[in-house]
Amino acid sequence: MITFSFEEIRTQDKFLWLDYNHQYLKELRERYKLRSLINDDMDDLAKVKAVMNWVNS
């Protein structure tokens, strides 16, 4: 016989965020000229779309 528990199991994903000025991120931005993808006139959604298009290509 199969039984199921209806207790809610909560898991918490842990995300690690590097500081913006971390050396790895600096090298990544410089090597791939990522700053050229976005500008200050873009809203957050436009920035995300620009980065997504870059990743996809």
PDB file of N, CA and C in Angstrom:
ATOM      1  N   MET A   1       0.836  -1.172   0.000  1.00  0.00           N
ATOM      2  CA  MET A   1       0.000   0.000   0.000  1.00  0.00           C
ATOM      3  C   MET A   1       0.889   1.247   0.000  1.00  0.00           C
ATOM      4  N   ILE A   2       0.552   2.206  -0.827  1.00  0.00           N
ATOM      5  CA  ILE A   2       1.286   3.460  -0.908  1.00  0.00           C
ATOM      6  C   ILE A   2       0.570   4.496  -0.063  1.00  0.00           C
ATOM      7  N   THR A   3       1.359   5.216   0.739  1.00  0.00           N
ATOM      8  CA  THR A   3       0.771   6.287   1.540  1.00  0.00           C
ATOM      9  C   THR A   3       1.506   7.584   1.239  1.00  0.00           C
ATOM     10  N   PHE A   4       0.805   8.676   1.398  1.00  0.00           N
ATOM     11  CA  PHE A   4       1.376   9.992   1.147  1.00  0.00           C
ATOM     12  C   PHE A   4       1.205  10.851   2.380  1.00  0.00           C
ATOM     13  N   SER A   5       2.161  11.660   2.602  1.00  0.00           N
ATOM     14  CA  SER A   5       2.091  12.610   3.709  1.00  0.00           C
ATOM     15  C   SER A   5       1.692  13.963   3.140  1.00  0.00           C
ATOM     16  N   PHE A   6       0.814  14.638   3.819  1.00  0.00           N
ATOM     17  CA  PHE A   6       0.386  15.956   3.370  1.00  0.00           C
ATOM     18  C   PHE A   6       1.113  17.070   4.117  1.00  0.00           C
ATOM     19  N   GLU A   7       2.121  16.682   4.883  1.00  0.00           N
ATOM     20  CA  GLU A   7       2.918  17.696   5.571  1.00  0.00           C
ATOM     21  C   GLU A   7       3.706  18.483   4.540  1.00  0.00           C
ATOM     22  N   GLU A   8       3.708  19.771   4.726  1.00  0.00           N
ATOM     23  CA  GLU A   8       4.440  20.624   3.788  1.00  0.00           C
ATOM     24  C   GLU A   8       5.921  20.550   4.118  1.00  0.00           C
ATOM     25  N   ILE A   9       6.677  20.231   3.127  1.00  0.00           N
ATOM     26  CA  ILE A   9       8.123  20.162   3.303  1.00  0.00           C
ATOM     27  C   ILE A   9       8.714  21.442   2.734  1.00  0.00           C
ATOM     28  N   ARG A  10       9.377  22.177   3.549  1.00  0.00           N
ATOM     29  CA  ARG A  10       9.958  23.445   3.106  1.00  0.00           C
ATOM     30  C   ARG A  10      11.468  23.274   2.952  1.00  0.00           C
ATOM     31  N   THR A  11      11.923  23.634   1.786  1.00  0.00           N
ATOM     32  CA  THR A  11      13.361  23.653   1.553  1.00  0.00           C
ATOM     33  C   THR A  11      13.744  25.083   1.218  1.00  0.00           C
ATOM     34  N   GLN A  12      14.925  25.403   1.590  1.00  0.00           N
ATOM     35  CA  GLN A  12      15.388  26.751   1.300  1.00  0.00           C
ATOM     36  C   GLN A  12      16.639  26.648   0.452  1.00  0.00           C
ATOM     37  N   ASP A  13      16.529  27.172  -0.759  1.00  0.00           N
ATOM     38  CA  ASP A  13      17.694  27.192  -1.629  1.00  0.00           C
ATOM     39  C   ASP A  13      18.627  28.281  -1.145  1.00  0.00           C
ATOM     40  N   LYS A  14      19.889  27.959  -1.173  1.00  0.00           N
ATOM     41  CA  LYS A  14      20.875  28.944  -0.762  1.00  0.00           C
ATOM     42  C   LYS A  14      21.554  29.487  -2.005  1.00  0.00           C
ATOM     43  N   PHE A  15      21.510  30.777  -2.153  1.00  0.00           N
ATOM     44  CA  PHE A  15      22.153  31.430  -3.274  1.00  0.00           C
ATOM     45  C   PHE A  15      23.379  32.166  -2.777  1.00  0.00           C
ATOM     46  N   LEU A  16      24.437  32.029  -3.515  1.00  0.00           N
ATOM     47  CA  LEU A  16      25.659  32.748  -3.177  1.00  0.00           C
ATOM     48  C   LEU A  16      25.831  33.861  -4.190  1.00  0.00           C
ATOM     49  N   TRP A  17      25.966  35.067  -3.714  1.00  0.00           N
ATOM     50  CA  TRP A  17      26.125  36.221  -4.576  1.00  0.00           C
ATOM     51  C   TRP A  17      27.520  36.784  -4.387  1.00  0.00           C
ATOM     52  N   LEU A  18      28.201  36.968  -5.482  1.00  0.00           N
ATOM     53  CA  LEU A  18      29.501  37.610  -5.405  1.00  0.00           C
ATOM     54  C   LEU A  18      29.302  39.121  -5.370  1.00  0.00           C
ATOM     55  N   ASP A  19      30.160  39.782  -4.667  1.00  0.00           N
ATOM     56  CA  ASP A  19      30.136  41.231  -4.646  1.00  0.00           C
ATOM     57  C   ASP A  19      30.406  41.746  -6.062  1.00  0.00           C
ATOM     58  N   TYR A  20      29.745  42.820  -6.433  1.00  0.00           N
ATOM     59  CA  TYR A  20      29.890  43.393  -7.777  1.00  0.00           C
ATOM     60  C   TYR A  20      31.354  43.645  -8.124  1.00  0.00           C
ATOM     61  N   ASN A  21      32.149  44.007  -7.139  1.00  0.00           N
ATOM     62  CA  ASN A  21      33.557  44.332  -7.366  1.00  0.00           C
ATOM     63  C   ASN A  21      34.494  43.133  -7.220  1.00  0.00           C
ATOM     64  N   HIS A  22      33.944  41.952  -7.108  1.00  0.00           N
ATOM     65  CA  HIS A  22      34.767  40.746  -7.019  1.00  0.00           C
ATOM     66  C   HIS A  22      35.613  40.625  -8.292  1.00  0.00           C
ATOM     67  N   GLN A  23      36.835  40.179  -8.146  1.00  0.00           N
ATOM     68  CA  GLN A  23      37.771  40.109  -9.264  1.00  0.00           C
ATOM     69  C   GLN A  23      37.237  39.269 -10.418  1.00  0.00           C
ATOM     70  N   TYR A  24      36.590  38.153 -10.130  1.00  0.00           N
ATOM     71  CA  TYR A  24      36.050  37.299 -11.188  1.00  0.00           C
ATOM     72  C   TYR A  24      35.022  38.058 -12.028  1.00  0.00           C
ATOM     73  N   LEU A  25      34.142  38.796 -11.379  1.00  0.00           N
ATOM     74  CA  LEU A  25      33.119  39.538 -12.109  1.00  0.00           C
ATOM     75  C   LEU A  25      33.719  40.693 -12.893  1.00  0.00           C
ATOM     76  N   LYS A  26      34.748  41.308 -12.350  1.00  0.00           N
ATOM     77  CA  LYS A  26      35.438  42.371 -13.089  1.00  0.00           C
ATOM     78  C   LYS A  26      36.033  41.822 -14.378  1.00  0.00           C
ATOM     79  N   GLU A  27      36.709  40.678 -14.275  1.00  0.00           N
ATOM     80  CA  GLU A  27      37.317  40.063 -15.452  1.00  0.00           C
ATOM     81  C   GLU A  27      36.261  39.658 -16.483  1.00  0.00           C
ATOM     82  N   LEU A  28      35.151  39.131 -16.005  1.00  0.00           N
ATOM     83  CA  LEU A  28      34.063  38.735 -16.901  1.00  0.00           C
ATOM     84  C   LEU A  28      33.519  39.943 -17.667  1.00  0.00           C
ATOM     85  N   ARG A  29      33.274  41.047 -16.957  1.00  0.00           N
ATOM     86  CA  ARG A  29      32.762  42.257 -17.612  1.00  0.00           C
ATOM     87  C   ARG A  29      33.743  42.795 -18.640  1.00  0.00           C
ATOM     88  N   GLU A  30      35.028  42.766 -18.295  1.00  0.00           N
ATOM     89  CA  GLU A  30      36.036  43.306 -19.208  1.00  0.00           C
ATOM     90  C   GLU A  30      36.262  42.397 -20.418  1.00  0.00           C
ATOM     91  N   ARG A  31      36.382  41.109 -20.170  1.00  0.00           N
ATOM     92  CA  ARG A  31      36.686  40.167 -21.259  1.00  0.00           C
ATOM     93  C   ARG A  31      35.595  40.168 -22.327  1.00  0.00           C
ATOM     94  N   TYR A  32      34.338  40.232 -21.900  1.00  0.00           N
ATOM     95  CA  TYR A  32      33.238  40.147 -22.852  1.00  0.00           C
ATOM     96  C   TYR A  32      32.566  41.491 -23.126  1.00  0.00           C
ATOM     97  N   LYS A  33      33.196  42.559 -22.639  1.00  0.00           N
ATOM     98  CA  LYS A  33      32.691  43.921 -22.885  1.00  0.00           C
ATOM     99  C   LYS A  33      31.202  44.039 -22.545  1.00  0.00           C
ATOM    100  N   LEU A  34      30.846  43.516 -21.378  1.00  0.00           N
ATOM    101  CA  LEU A  34      29.444  43.461 -20.979  1.00  0.00           C
ATOM    102  C   LEU A  34      28.850  44.836 -20.706  1.00  0.00           C
ATOM    103  N   ARG A  35      29.670  45.789 -20.351  1.00  0.00           N
ATOM    104  CA  ARG A  35      29.140  47.132 -20.099  1.00  0.00           C
ATOM    105  C   ARG A  35      28.546  47.755 -21.366  1.00  0.00           C
ATOM    106  N   SER A  36      28.999  47.306 -22.513  1.00  0.00           N
ATOM    107  CA  SER A  36      28.481  47.863 -23.766  1.00  0.00           C
ATOM    108  C   SER A  36      27.066  47.366 -24.080  1.00  0.00           C
ATOM    109  N   LEU A  37      26.593  46.342 -23.366  1.00  0.00           N
ATOM    110  CA  LEU A  37      25.255  45.802 -23.612  1.00  0.00           C
ATOM    111  C   LEU A  37      24.145  46.694 -23.078  1.00  0.00           C
ATOM    112  N   ILE A  38      24.440  47.420 -22.011  1.00  0.00           N
ATOM    113  CA  ILE A  38      23.394  48.195 -21.345  1.00  0.00           C
ATOM    114  C   ILE A  38      23.824  49.641 -21.194  1.00  0.00           C
ATOM    115  N   ASN A  39      22.848  50.508 -20.956  1.00  0.00           N
ATOM    116  CA  ASN A  39      23.160  51.907 -20.667  1.00  0.00           C
ATOM    117  C   ASN A  39      22.191  52.420 -19.608  1.00  0.00           C
ATOM    118  N   ASP A  40      22.460  53.578 -19.089  1.00  0.00           N
ATOM    119  CA  ASP A  40      21.679  54.128 -17.985  1.00  0.00           C
ATOM    120  C   ASP A  40      20.257  54.499 -18.380  1.00  0.00           C
ATOM    121  N   ASP A  41      19.992  54.652 -19.669  1.00  0.00           N
ATOM    122  CA  ASP A  41      18.649  55.002 -20.122  1.00  0.00           C
ATOM    123  C   ASP A  41      17.698  53.811 -20.134  1.00  0.00           C
ATOM    124  N   MET A  42      18.236  52.609 -20.006  1.00  0.00           N
ATOM    125  CA  MET A  42      17.418  51.397 -20.053  1.00  0.00           C
ATOM    126  C   MET A  42      16.791  51.127 -18.692  1.00  0.00           C
ATOM    127  N   ASP A  43      15.544  50.642 -18.707  1.00  0.00           N
ATOM    128  CA  ASP A  43      14.950  50.214 -17.444  1.00  0.00           C
ATOM    129  C   ASP A  43      15.461  48.803 -17.134  1.00  0.00           C
ATOM    130  N   ASP A  44      15.121  48.282 -15.961  1.00  0.00           N
ATOM    131  CA  ASP A  44      15.648  46.984 -15.542  1.00  0.00           C
ATOM    132  C   ASP A  44      15.258  45.859 -16.499  1.00  0.00           C
ATOM    133  N   LEU A  45      14.023  45.885 -16.983  1.00  0.00           N
ATOM    134  CA  LEU A  45      13.573  44.834 -17.894  1.00  0.00           C
ATOM    135  C   LEU A  45      14.371  44.858 -19.198  1.00  0.00           C
ATOM    136  N   ALA A  46      14.620  46.027 -19.721  1.00  0.00           N
ATOM    137  CA  ALA A  46      15.413  46.142 -20.952  1.00  0.00           C
ATOM    138  C   ALA A  46      16.834  45.633 -20.734  1.00  0.00           C
ATOM    139  N   LYS A  47      17.386  45.903 -19.556  1.00  0.00           N
ATOM    140  CA  LYS A  47      18.735  45.405 -19.244  1.00  0.00           C
ATOM    141  C   LYS A  47      18.753  43.886 -19.193  1.00  0.00           C
ATOM    142  N   VAL A  48      17.743  43.320 -18.544  1.00  0.00           N
ATOM    143  CA  VAL A  48      17.661  41.857 -18.449  1.00  0.00           C
ATOM    144  C   VAL A  48      17.529  41.247 -19.840  1.00  0.00           C
ATOM    145  N   LYS A  49      16.687  41.833 -20.672  1.00  0.00           N
ATOM    146  CA  LYS A  49      16.511  41.323 -22.037  1.00  0.00           C
ATOM    147  C   LYS A  49      17.806  41.408 -22.837  1.00  0.00           C
ATOM    148  N   ALA A  50      18.546  42.485 -22.672  1.00  0.00           N
ATOM    149  CA  ALA A  50      19.810  42.645 -23.400  1.00  0.00           C
ATOM    150  C   ALA A  50      20.814  41.582 -22.977  1.00  0.00           C
ATOM    151  N   VAL A  51      20.889  41.320 -21.693  1.00  0.00           N
ATOM    152  CA  VAL A  51      21.823  40.302 -21.202  1.00  0.00           C
ATOM    153  C   VAL A  51      21.356  38.913 -21.639  1.00  0.00           C
ATOM    154  N   MET A  52      20.050  38.663 -21.595  1.00  0.00           N
ATOM    155  CA  MET A  52      19.534  37.360 -22.044  1.00  0.00           C
ATOM    156  C   MET A  52      19.843  37.128 -23.509  1.00  0.00           C
ATOM    157  N   ASN A  53      19.677  38.139 -24.327  1.00  0.00           N
ATOM    158  CA  ASN A  53      19.992  38.000 -25.749  1.00  0.00           C
ATOM    159  C   ASN A  53      21.470  37.730 -25.955  1.00  0.00           C
ATOM    160  N   TRP A  54      22.328  38.382 -25.178  1.00  0.00           N
ATOM    161  CA  TRP A  54      23.761  38.144 -25.279  1.00  0.00           C
ATOM    162  C   TRP A  54      24.096  36.706 -24.896  1.00  0.00           C
ATOM    163  N   VAL A  55      23.513  36.231 -23.803  1.00  0.00           N
ATOM    164  CA  VAL A  55      23.772  34.854 -23.352  1.00  0.00           C
ATOM    165  C   VAL A  55      23.295  33.858 -24.394  1.00  0.00           C
ATOM    166  N   ASN A  56      22.144  34.144 -24.989  1.00  0.00           N
ATOM    167  CA  ASN A  56      21.578  33.230 -25.977  1.00  0.00           C
ATOM    168  C   ASN A  56      22.407  33.175 -27.258  1.00  0.00           C
ATOM    169  N   SER A  57      23.095  34.255 -27.583  1.00  0.00           N
ATOM    170  CA  SER A  57      23.871  34.243 -28.806  1.00  0.00           C
ATOM    171  C   SER A  57      25.264  33.734 -28.544  1.00  0.00           C
TER     172      SER A  57
END
